[in-house]
């Protein structure tokens, strides 16, 4: 995409808000849902292998459920948005994602926080479905090759962009690289902010990723085009 191509402001905000939400949800899942990841499936798959090799089958079940939930959420995102243009699709996807995160928030106070319990596994399923839905949000935003989840490829693209800039003798960072840096950092900020909230046992920490997605959704509803 050309640096001069006009971009709707809502798309930029969706990128940073959903990246923040992914970092926040992964932190919660790792710290409070039995050491799983719900957006970074490469890491979660590695955890699954680790737990199985350690005969920790309750933990392995959580990782397996996260993987299944992500697949279901991604497939559902494809199906519900396949016949819609970009902005209607984003509104629908973000709405469903917000509802899934709201459901995790609603059931959170009543679940037993032990591996292998129904409430905990249901929370993992809902959160991973929300992140699967978000993976399609990133596809429909379609800016600068940023997926809004799984940021290893984004870091690779940042390094490529910065290296090419330095080699060419330029001092202005390309727009694509700026977006990639912003999304990469927002994932970290989401994890860090939520990490503090979890550490200090603040009662609202489960609402943090939902708030980020709702902000992205609000930007889409305010968009007039």
C-alpha atoms as a PDB file:
ATOM      1  CA  UNK A   1       0.000   0.000   0.000  1.00  0.00           C
ATOM      2  CA  UNK A   2       1.318   3.398  -0.940  1.00  0.00           C
ATOM      3  CA  UNK A   3       2.298   5.768   1.832  1.00  0.00           C
ATOM      4  CA  UNK A   4       0.101   8.372   0.099  1.00  0.00           C
ATOM      5  CA  UNK A   5      -3.034   6.222   0.047  1.00  0.00           C
ATOM      6  CA  UNK A   6      -5.816   7.685   2.214  1.00  0.00           C
ATOM      7  CA  UNK A   7      -6.565   5.603   5.296  1.00  0.00           C
ATOM      8  CA  UNK A   8      -9.691   5.895   7.399  1.00  0.00           C
ATOM      9  CA  UNK A   9      -8.755   6.884  10.991  1.00  0.00           C
ATOM     10  CA  UNK A  10     -10.935   4.088  12.382  1.00  0.00           C
ATOM     11  CA  UNK A  11      -8.672   1.477  10.778  1.00  0.00           C
ATOM     12  CA  UNK A  12      -5.573   2.843  12.495  1.00  0.00           C
ATOM     13  CA  UNK A  13      -7.358   2.871  15.852  1.00  0.00           C
ATOM     14  CA  UNK A  14      -8.626  -0.671  15.355  1.00  0.00           C
ATOM     15  CA  UNK A  15      -5.044  -1.853  14.822  1.00  0.00           C
ATOM     16  CA  UNK A  16      -3.707  -0.421  18.068  1.00  0.00           C
ATOM     17  CA  UNK A  17      -6.778  -1.247  20.167  1.00  0.00           C
ATOM     18  CA  UNK A  18      -6.952  -4.873  19.083  1.00  0.00           C
ATOM     19  CA  UNK A  19      -3.192  -5.299  19.497  1.00  0.00           C
ATOM     20  CA  UNK A  20      -3.597  -3.978  23.055  1.00  0.00           C
ATOM     21  CA  UNK A  21      -6.501  -6.382  23.627  1.00  0.00           C
ATOM     22  CA  UNK A  22      -4.449  -9.354  22.424  1.00  0.00           C
ATOM     23  CA  UNK A  23      -1.619  -8.569  24.845  1.00  0.00           C
ATOM     24  CA  UNK A  24      -4.108  -8.081  27.655  1.00  0.00           C
ATOM     25  CA  UNK A  25      -5.977 -11.350  27.028  1.00  0.00           C
ATOM     26  CA  UNK A  26      -2.772 -13.379  26.644  1.00  0.00           C
ATOM     27  CA  UNK A  27      -1.504 -12.030  29.975  1.00  0.00           C
ATOM     28  CA  UNK A  28      -4.762 -12.928  31.708  1.00  0.00           C
ATOM     29  CA  UNK A  29      -4.798 -16.394  30.145  1.00  0.00           C
ATOM     30  CA  UNK A  30      -1.211 -17.115  31.135  1.00  0.00           C
ATOM     31  CA  UNK A  31      -1.514 -15.726  34.665  1.00  0.00           C
ATOM     32  CA  UNK A  32      -5.046 -16.784  35.566  1.00  0.00           C
ATOM     33  CA  UNK A  33      -6.168 -19.563  33.201  1.00  0.00           C
ATOM     34  CA  UNK A  34      -3.560 -22.198  33.842  1.00  0.00           C
ATOM     35  CA  UNK A  35      -0.580 -21.074  31.755  1.00  0.00           C
ATOM     36  CA  UNK A  36      -2.177 -21.006  28.304  1.00  0.00           C
ATOM     37  CA  UNK A  37      -2.147 -18.423  25.514  1.00  0.00           C
ATOM     38  CA  UNK A  38      -5.333 -17.567  23.655  1.00  0.00           C
ATOM     39  CA  UNK A  39      -4.079 -15.412  20.773  1.00  0.00           C
ATOM     40  CA  UNK A  40      -0.517 -16.671  20.142  1.00  0.00           C
ATOM     41  CA  UNK A  41      -1.217 -20.168  18.867  1.00  0.00           C
ATOM     42  CA  UNK A  42       2.420 -20.940  18.062  1.00  0.00           C
ATOM     43  CA  UNK A  43       3.347 -20.459  21.717  1.00  0.00           C
ATOM     44  CA  UNK A  44       0.207 -22.251  22.843  1.00  0.00           C
ATOM     45  CA  UNK A  45       1.055 -25.244  20.643  1.00  0.00           C
ATOM     46  CA  UNK A  46       4.515 -25.353  22.227  1.00  0.00           C
ATOM     47  CA  UNK A  47       2.887 -25.288  25.679  1.00  0.00           C
ATOM     48  CA  UNK A  48       0.609 -28.131  24.623  1.00  0.00           C
ATOM     49  CA  UNK A  49       3.615 -30.250  23.710  1.00  0.00           C
ATOM     50  CA  UNK A  50       5.365 -29.293  26.950  1.00  0.00           C
ATOM     51  CA  UNK A  51       2.386 -30.171  29.145  1.00  0.00           C
ATOM     52  CA  UNK A  52       1.868 -33.499  27.392  1.00  0.00           C
ATOM     53  CA  UNK A  53       5.558 -34.375  27.754  1.00  0.00           C
ATOM     54  CA  UNK A  54       5.276 -33.617  31.491  1.00  0.00           C
ATOM     55  CA  UNK A  55       2.097 -35.717  31.817  1.00  0.00           C
ATOM     56  CA  UNK A  56       0.283 -32.570  32.977  1.00  0.00           C
ATOM     57  CA  UNK A  57      -2.928 -33.435  31.207  1.00  0.00           C
ATOM     58  CA  UNK A  58      -5.156 -30.877  32.951  1.00  0.00           C
ATOM     59  CA  UNK A  59      -2.875 -28.092  31.686  1.00  0.00           C
ATOM     60  CA  UNK A  60      -2.655 -29.747  28.268  1.00  0.00           C
ATOM     61  CA  UNK A  61      -6.447 -29.768  28.096  1.00  0.00           C
ATOM     62  CA  UNK A  62      -6.492 -26.008  28.602  1.00  0.00           C
ATOM     63  CA  UNK A  63      -4.031 -25.493  25.743  1.00  0.00           C
ATOM     64  CA  UNK A  64      -6.012 -27.845  23.512  1.00  0.00           C
ATOM     65  CA  UNK A  65      -9.242 -25.983  24.274  1.00  0.00           C
ATOM     66  CA  UNK A  66      -7.531 -22.672  23.484  1.00  0.00           C
ATOM     67  CA  UNK A  67      -6.447 -24.077  20.120  1.00  0.00           C
ATOM     68  CA  UNK A  68      -9.936 -25.388  19.361  1.00  0.00           C
ATOM     69  CA  UNK A  69     -11.569 -22.134  20.446  1.00  0.00           C
ATOM     70  CA  UNK A  70      -9.229 -20.125  18.238  1.00  0.00           C
ATOM     71  CA  UNK A  71     -10.038 -22.305  15.230  1.00  0.00           C
ATOM     72  CA  UNK A  72     -13.786 -22.033  15.894  1.00  0.00           C
ATOM     73  CA  UNK A  73     -13.585 -18.249  16.354  1.00  0.00           C
ATOM     74  CA  UNK A  74     -11.553 -17.795  13.176  1.00  0.00           C
ATOM     75  CA  UNK A  75     -13.893 -19.979  11.115  1.00  0.00           C
ATOM     76  CA  UNK A  76     -16.920 -18.176  12.528  1.00  0.00           C
ATOM     77  CA  UNK A  77     -15.332 -14.832  11.674  1.00  0.00           C
ATOM     78  CA  UNK A  78     -14.856 -15.923   8.074  1.00  0.00           C
ATOM     79  CA  UNK A  79     -18.432 -17.181   7.781  1.00  0.00           C
ATOM     80  CA  UNK A  80     -20.224 -14.177   9.273  1.00  0.00           C
ATOM     81  CA  UNK A  81     -18.226 -11.580   7.326  1.00  0.00           C
ATOM     82  CA  UNK A  82     -17.552 -13.249   3.975  1.00  0.00           C
ATOM     83  CA  UNK A  83     -20.326 -11.429   2.068  1.00  0.00           C
ATOM     84  CA  UNK A  84     -19.826  -8.023   3.701  1.00  0.00           C
ATOM     85  CA  UNK A  85     -17.710  -5.087   2.597  1.00  0.00           C
ATOM     86  CA  UNK A  86     -14.876  -3.893   4.824  1.00  0.00           C
ATOM     87  CA  UNK A  87     -16.552  -1.585   7.323  1.00  0.00           C
ATOM     88  CA  UNK A  88     -19.805  -3.528   7.857  1.00  0.00           C
ATOM     89  CA  UNK A  89     -17.670  -6.642   8.307  1.00  0.00           C
ATOM     90  CA  UNK A  90     -15.479  -4.922  10.887  1.00  0.00           C
ATOM     91  CA  UNK A  91     -18.500  -3.698  12.831  1.00  0.00           C
ATOM     92  CA  UNK A  92     -20.001  -7.166  12.952  1.00  0.00           C
ATOM     93  CA  UNK A  93     -16.716  -8.887  13.825  1.00  0.00           C
ATOM     94  CA  UNK A  94     -15.864  -6.425  16.587  1.00  0.00           C
ATOM     95  CA  UNK A  95     -19.392  -6.653  17.981  1.00  0.00           C
ATOM     96  CA  UNK A  96     -19.212 -10.446  18.206  1.00  0.00           C
ATOM     97  CA  UNK A  97     -15.712 -10.263  19.687  1.00  0.00           C
ATOM     98  CA  UNK A  98     -16.928  -7.781  22.303  1.00  0.00           C
ATOM     99  CA  UNK A  99     -19.828 -10.086  23.187  1.00  0.00           C
ATOM    100  CA  UNK A 100     -17.448 -13.025  23.647  1.00  0.00           C
ATOM    101  CA  UNK A 101     -15.196 -10.961  25.928  1.00  0.00           C
ATOM    102  CA  UNK A 102     -18.255  -9.680  27.798  1.00  0.00           C
ATOM    103  CA  UNK A 103     -19.296 -13.296  28.372  1.00  0.00           C
ATOM    104  CA  UNK A 104     -15.885 -14.092  29.884  1.00  0.00           C
ATOM    105  CA  UNK A 105     -16.256 -11.059  32.146  1.00  0.00           C
ATOM    106  CA  UNK A 106     -19.763 -12.136  33.179  1.00  0.00           C
ATOM    107  CA  UNK A 107     -18.823 -15.690  34.192  1.00  0.00           C
ATOM    108  CA  UNK A 108     -15.449 -14.794  35.727  1.00  0.00           C
ATOM    109  CA  UNK A 109     -16.644 -14.163  39.315  1.00  0.00           C
ATOM    110  CA  UNK A 110     -18.433 -17.522  39.488  1.00  0.00           C
ATOM    111  CA  UNK A 111     -15.757 -19.873  38.150  1.00  0.00           C
ATOM    112  CA  UNK A 112     -13.414 -22.078  40.152  1.00  0.00           C
ATOM    113  CA  UNK A 113      -9.853 -21.185  39.230  1.00  0.00           C
ATOM    114  CA  UNK A 114      -8.453 -24.695  39.074  1.00  0.00           C
ATOM    115  CA  UNK A 115      -7.179 -26.518  36.004  1.00  0.00           C
ATOM    116  CA  UNK A 116      -9.641 -28.968  34.537  1.00  0.00           C
ATOM    117  CA  UNK A 117     -12.777 -27.291  35.923  1.00  0.00           C
ATOM    118  CA  UNK A 118     -15.705 -26.545  33.623  1.00  0.00           C
ATOM    119  CA  UNK A 119     -15.798 -22.827  34.349  1.00  0.00           C
ATOM    120  CA  UNK A 120     -12.104 -22.332  33.678  1.00  0.00           C
ATOM    121  CA  UNK A 121     -12.229 -24.278  30.414  1.00  0.00           C
ATOM    122  CA  UNK A 122     -15.328 -22.331  29.316  1.00  0.00           C
ATOM    123  CA  UNK A 123     -13.454 -19.075  29.955  1.00  0.00           C
ATOM    124  CA  UNK A 124     -10.503 -20.298  27.874  1.00  0.00           C
ATOM    125  CA  UNK A 125     -12.877 -21.294  25.065  1.00  0.00           C
ATOM    126  CA  UNK A 126     -14.644 -17.922  25.013  1.00  0.00           C
ATOM    127  CA  UNK A 127     -11.407 -15.909  25.180  1.00  0.00           C
ATOM    128  CA  UNK A 128      -9.728 -17.939  22.426  1.00  0.00           C
ATOM    129  CA  UNK A 129     -12.830 -17.658  20.229  1.00  0.00           C
ATOM    130  CA  UNK A 130     -12.663 -13.884  20.702  1.00  0.00           C
ATOM    131  CA  UNK A 131      -9.035 -13.898  19.562  1.00  0.00           C
ATOM    132  CA  UNK A 132      -9.874 -16.098  16.581  1.00  0.00           C
ATOM    133  CA  UNK A 133     -12.525 -13.553  15.633  1.00  0.00           C
ATOM    134  CA  UNK A 134      -9.880 -10.833  16.027  1.00  0.00           C
ATOM    135  CA  UNK A 135      -7.618 -12.624  13.558  1.00  0.00           C
ATOM    136  CA  UNK A 136     -10.240 -11.948  10.880  1.00  0.00           C
ATOM    137  CA  UNK A 137     -10.546  -8.341  12.059  1.00  0.00           C
ATOM    138  CA  UNK A 138      -6.858  -7.941  11.219  1.00  0.00           C
ATOM    139  CA  UNK A 139      -7.409  -9.462   7.788  1.00  0.00           C
ATOM    140  CA  UNK A 140     -10.289  -7.093   7.058  1.00  0.00           C
ATOM    141  CA  UNK A 141      -8.395  -4.025   8.296  1.00  0.00           C
ATOM    142  CA  UNK A 142      -5.645  -5.045   5.855  1.00  0.00           C
ATOM    143  CA  UNK A 143      -3.043  -2.429   6.733  1.00  0.00           C
ATOM    144  CA  UNK A 144       0.723  -2.884   6.496  1.00  0.00           C
ATOM    145  CA  UNK A 145       0.602  -6.682   6.833  1.00  0.00           C
ATOM    146  CA  UNK A 146      -0.294  -6.452  10.552  1.00  0.00           C
ATOM    147  CA  UNK A 147      -2.330  -9.389  11.908  1.00  0.00           C
ATOM    148  CA  UNK A 148      -3.130  -7.815  15.365  1.00  0.00           C
ATOM    149  CA  UNK A 149      -2.225 -11.179  16.910  1.00  0.00           C
ATOM    150  CA  UNK A 150       0.983 -13.290  16.787  1.00  0.00           C
ATOM    151  CA  UNK A 151       3.509 -10.475  16.577  1.00  0.00           C
ATOM    152  CA  UNK A 152       6.633 -12.426  15.650  1.00  0.00           C
ATOM    153  CA  UNK A 153       5.996 -11.771  11.960  1.00  0.00           C
ATOM    154  CA  UNK A 154       5.323  -8.123  12.774  1.00  0.00           C
ATOM    155  CA  UNK A 155       8.695  -7.878  14.550  1.00  0.00           C
ATOM    156  CA  UNK A 156      10.336  -9.449  11.488  1.00  0.00           C
ATOM    157  CA  UNK A 157       8.711  -6.844   9.236  1.00  0.00           C
ATOM    158  CA  UNK A 158       9.819  -4.049  11.581  1.00  0.00           C
ATOM    159  CA  UNK A 159      13.430  -5.229  11.421  1.00  0.00           C
ATOM    160  CA  UNK A 160      13.249  -5.539   7.633  1.00  0.00           C
ATOM    161  CA  UNK A 161      11.780  -2.049   7.306  1.00  0.00           C
ATOM    162  CA  UNK A 162      14.314  -0.430   9.636  1.00  0.00           C
ATOM    163  CA  UNK A 163      17.237  -2.251   8.033  1.00  0.00           C
ATOM    164  CA  UNK A 164      16.158  -1.219   4.533  1.00  0.00           C
ATOM    165  CA  UNK A 165      15.734   2.361   5.727  1.00  0.00           C
ATOM    166  CA  UNK A 166      19.224   2.476   7.249  1.00  0.00           C
ATOM    167  CA  UNK A 167      20.862   0.824   4.240  1.00  0.00           C
ATOM    168  CA  UNK A 168      19.203   3.282   1.861  1.00  0.00           C
ATOM    169  CA  UNK A 169      20.494   6.224   3.906  1.00  0.00           C
ATOM    170  CA  UNK A 170      17.001   7.526   4.653  1.00  0.00           C
ATOM    171  CA  UNK A 171      16.018   8.890   8.047  1.00  0.00           C
ATOM    172  CA  UNK A 172      12.244   8.814   7.676  1.00  0.00           C
ATOM    173  CA  UNK A 173      10.591   5.618   8.897  1.00  0.00           C
ATOM    174  CA  UNK A 174       8.104   4.217   6.336  1.00  0.00           C
ATOM    175  CA  UNK A 175       4.424   4.432   7.277  1.00  0.00           C
ATOM    176  CA  UNK A 176       4.077   0.658   7.216  1.00  0.00           C
ATOM    177  CA  UNK A 177       6.938   0.294   9.700  1.00  0.00           C
ATOM    178  CA  UNK A 178       5.412   2.967  11.962  1.00  0.00           C
ATOM    179  CA  UNK A 179       2.142   1.027  12.058  1.00  0.00           C
ATOM    180  CA  UNK A 180       3.971  -2.213  12.758  1.00  0.00           C
ATOM    181  CA  UNK A 181       5.966  -0.640  15.588  1.00  0.00           C
ATOM    182  CA  UNK A 182       2.813   0.872  17.068  1.00  0.00           C
ATOM    183  CA  UNK A 183       0.955  -2.455  17.006  1.00  0.00           C
ATOM    184  CA  UNK A 184       3.924  -4.385  18.373  1.00  0.00           C
ATOM    185  CA  UNK A 185       4.329  -1.927  21.258  1.00  0.00           C
ATOM    186  CA  UNK A 186       0.595  -1.870  21.976  1.00  0.00           C
ATOM    187  CA  UNK A 187       0.594  -5.648  22.442  1.00  0.00           C
ATOM    188  CA  UNK A 188       3.329  -5.165  25.052  1.00  0.00           C
ATOM    189  CA  UNK A 189       1.508  -2.221  26.646  1.00  0.00           C
ATOM    190  CA  UNK A 190      -1.680  -4.291  26.875  1.00  0.00           C
ATOM    191  CA  UNK A 191       0.189  -7.109  28.591  1.00  0.00           C
ATOM    192  CA  UNK A 192       2.028  -4.735  30.927  1.00  0.00           C
ATOM    193  CA  UNK A 193      -1.008  -2.701  31.992  1.00  0.00           C
ATOM    194  CA  UNK A 194      -3.048  -5.846  32.580  1.00  0.00           C
ATOM    195  CA  UNK A 195      -0.098  -7.436  34.357  1.00  0.00           C
ATOM    196  CA  UNK A 196      -0.086  -4.630  36.907  1.00  0.00           C
ATOM    197  CA  UNK A 197      -3.855  -4.939  37.327  1.00  0.00           C
ATOM    198  CA  UNK A 198      -3.547  -8.700  37.894  1.00  0.00           C
ATOM    199  CA  UNK A 199      -0.575  -8.344  40.248  1.00  0.00           C
ATOM    200  CA  UNK A 200      -2.376  -5.807  42.423  1.00  0.00           C
ATOM    201  CA  UNK A 201      -5.608  -7.845  42.209  1.00  0.00           C
ATOM    202  CA  UNK A 202      -7.576  -4.913  40.843  1.00  0.00           C
ATOM    203  CA  UNK A 203     -11.163  -6.074  40.376  1.00  0.00           C
ATOM    204  CA  UNK A 204     -11.552  -4.647  36.862  1.00  0.00           C
ATOM    205  CA  UNK A 205      -8.655  -6.413  35.110  1.00  0.00           C
ATOM    206  CA  UNK A 206     -10.979  -8.706  33.129  1.00  0.00           C
ATOM    207  CA  UNK A 207     -12.671  -5.617  31.675  1.00  0.00           C
ATOM    208  CA  UNK A 208      -9.433  -4.198  30.201  1.00  0.00           C
ATOM    209  CA  UNK A 209      -9.393  -6.160  26.895  1.00  0.00           C
ATOM    210  CA  UNK A 210     -13.152  -5.649  26.505  1.00  0.00           C
ATOM    211  CA  UNK A 211     -12.704  -1.885  26.881  1.00  0.00           C
ATOM    212  CA  UNK A 212     -10.043  -1.881  24.150  1.00  0.00           C
ATOM    213  CA  UNK A 213     -12.301  -3.777  21.721  1.00  0.00           C
ATOM    214  CA  UNK A 214     -15.262  -1.530  22.551  1.00  0.00           C
ATOM    215  CA  UNK A 215     -13.104   1.518  21.747  1.00  0.00           C
ATOM    216  CA  UNK A 216     -12.235  -0.025  18.375  1.00  0.00           C
ATOM    217  CA  UNK A 217     -15.916  -0.759  17.770  1.00  0.00           C
ATOM    218  CA  UNK A 218     -16.903   2.778  18.731  1.00  0.00           C
ATOM    219  CA  UNK A 219     -14.459   4.171  16.194  1.00  0.00           C
ATOM    220  CA  UNK A 220     -16.146   2.058  13.513  1.00  0.00           C
ATOM    221  CA  UNK A 221     -19.648   3.175  14.438  1.00  0.00           C
ATOM    222  CA  UNK A 222     -18.499   6.797  14.406  1.00  0.00           C
ATOM    223  CA  UNK A 223     -17.024   6.275  10.945  1.00  0.00           C
ATOM    224  CA  UNK A 224     -19.298   7.770   8.295  1.00  0.00           C
ATOM    225  CA  UNK A 225     -18.486   6.455   4.852  1.00  0.00           C
END
